Structures are given as C-alpha cells and as structure tokens.
Protein backbone atom coordinates (compact mmCIF):
# COMPACT_ATOMS: atom_id res chain seq x y z
CA MET A 1 -6.11 -15.44 7.33
CA GLY A 2 -8.42 -13.06 9.17
CA THR A 3 -10.42 -10.40 7.85
CA VAL A 4 -8.49 -7.44 9.28
CA VAL A 5 -5.25 -8.72 7.98
CA GLU A 6 -6.96 -9.38 4.59
CA ALA A 7 -8.35 -5.69 4.48
CA LEU A 8 -4.82 -4.29 5.52
CA LEU A 9 -3.15 -6.19 2.78
CA ALA A 10 -5.65 -5.24 0.27
CA ARG A 11 -5.26 -1.61 1.43
CA VAL A 12 -1.49 -2.06 0.83
CA ARG A 13 -2.08 -3.69 -2.68
CA ALA A 14 -4.53 -0.95 -3.96
CA ALA A 15 -2.13 1.76 -2.37
CA ARG A 16 0.97 0.24 -4.73
CA ALA A 17 -1.35 0.01 -7.61
CA ARG A 18 -2.30 3.85 -7.26
CA LEU A 19 1.23 4.66 -7.00
CA ALA A 20 2.26 2.78 -10.00
CA ALA A 21 -0.39 4.18 -12.13
CA ALA A 22 0.59 7.91 -10.87
CA VAL A 23 4.37 7.06 -11.76
CA ALA A 24 3.41 5.86 -14.84
CA ALA A 25 1.14 8.84 -15.63
CA ARG A 26 4.10 11.39 -14.86
CA ASP A 27 2.00 12.78 -12.48
CA PRO A 28 3.74 14.13 -9.39
CA TYR A 29 0.72 15.43 -7.39
CA ALA A 30 -0.78 12.10 -7.88
CA VAL A 31 2.58 10.44 -6.96
CA ALA A 32 2.56 12.32 -3.78
CA VAL A 33 -0.64 11.31 -2.64
CA ALA A 34 -0.39 7.83 -3.63
CA GLN A 35 2.79 7.34 -1.77
CA ASP A 36 1.68 9.10 1.51
CA GLU A 37 -1.54 6.18 1.26
CA LEU A 38 1.12 3.62 0.90
CA ASP A 39 3.41 5.07 3.71
CA ASP A 40 0.13 5.14 6.22
CA ALA A 41 -1.24 1.77 4.87
CA VAL A 42 2.04 0.18 5.69
CA ARG A 43 2.23 1.91 8.89
CA VAL A 44 -0.91 0.69 9.74
CA ALA A 45 -0.44 -2.84 8.72
CA ARG A 46 2.66 -2.97 10.84
CA GLY A 47 1.00 -1.53 13.80
CA HIS A 48 -1.33 -4.67 13.67
CA GLY A 49 1.92 -7.22 13.55
CA LEU A 50 1.88 -7.73 9.79
CA ASP A 51 5.50 -7.65 8.53
CA VAL A 52 4.65 -6.02 5.32
CA ASP A 53 7.26 -6.15 2.47
CA VAL A 54 6.12 -2.96 0.47
CA GLU A 55 7.44 -4.43 -2.57
CA ARG A 56 5.83 -7.76 -2.23
CA ALA A 57 2.62 -7.01 -0.57
CA ASP A 58 0.73 -8.62 -3.49
CA GLU A 59 2.40 -12.25 -2.38
CA GLU A 60 1.38 -11.89 1.41
C-alpha cells in the first residue's frame, strides 16, 4: 500500500473516530464538524480511486 493511500485511509479512520466520540458525547456541534470531516475525507479518498466503505475504513 502506498504512502498516499495509507494517509487517506488514516484520515478516514481518524474522522470516524472523532465522529464516534462526538456522538458518544452527545455534542451536536462536534457531530456536525466531525461528519463534515468524514464526508470530505471519503470524498478525497474516492477521488483518488479508493473504494472507501465509510463503515469499514478500519479494515482497508
């Protein structure tokens, strides 16, 4: 796996973790920010040809 691919998947994983933490904290603002970051991370990854499954990015 290339460095760019690893970095993109790490970004998706980190965004998913931040979203989960925000949901657990019941913080609507943090949820919105984290969801936007996750959406952007997935968009960029897919733009680079990665078939990112948002629910399984940890496994990729």
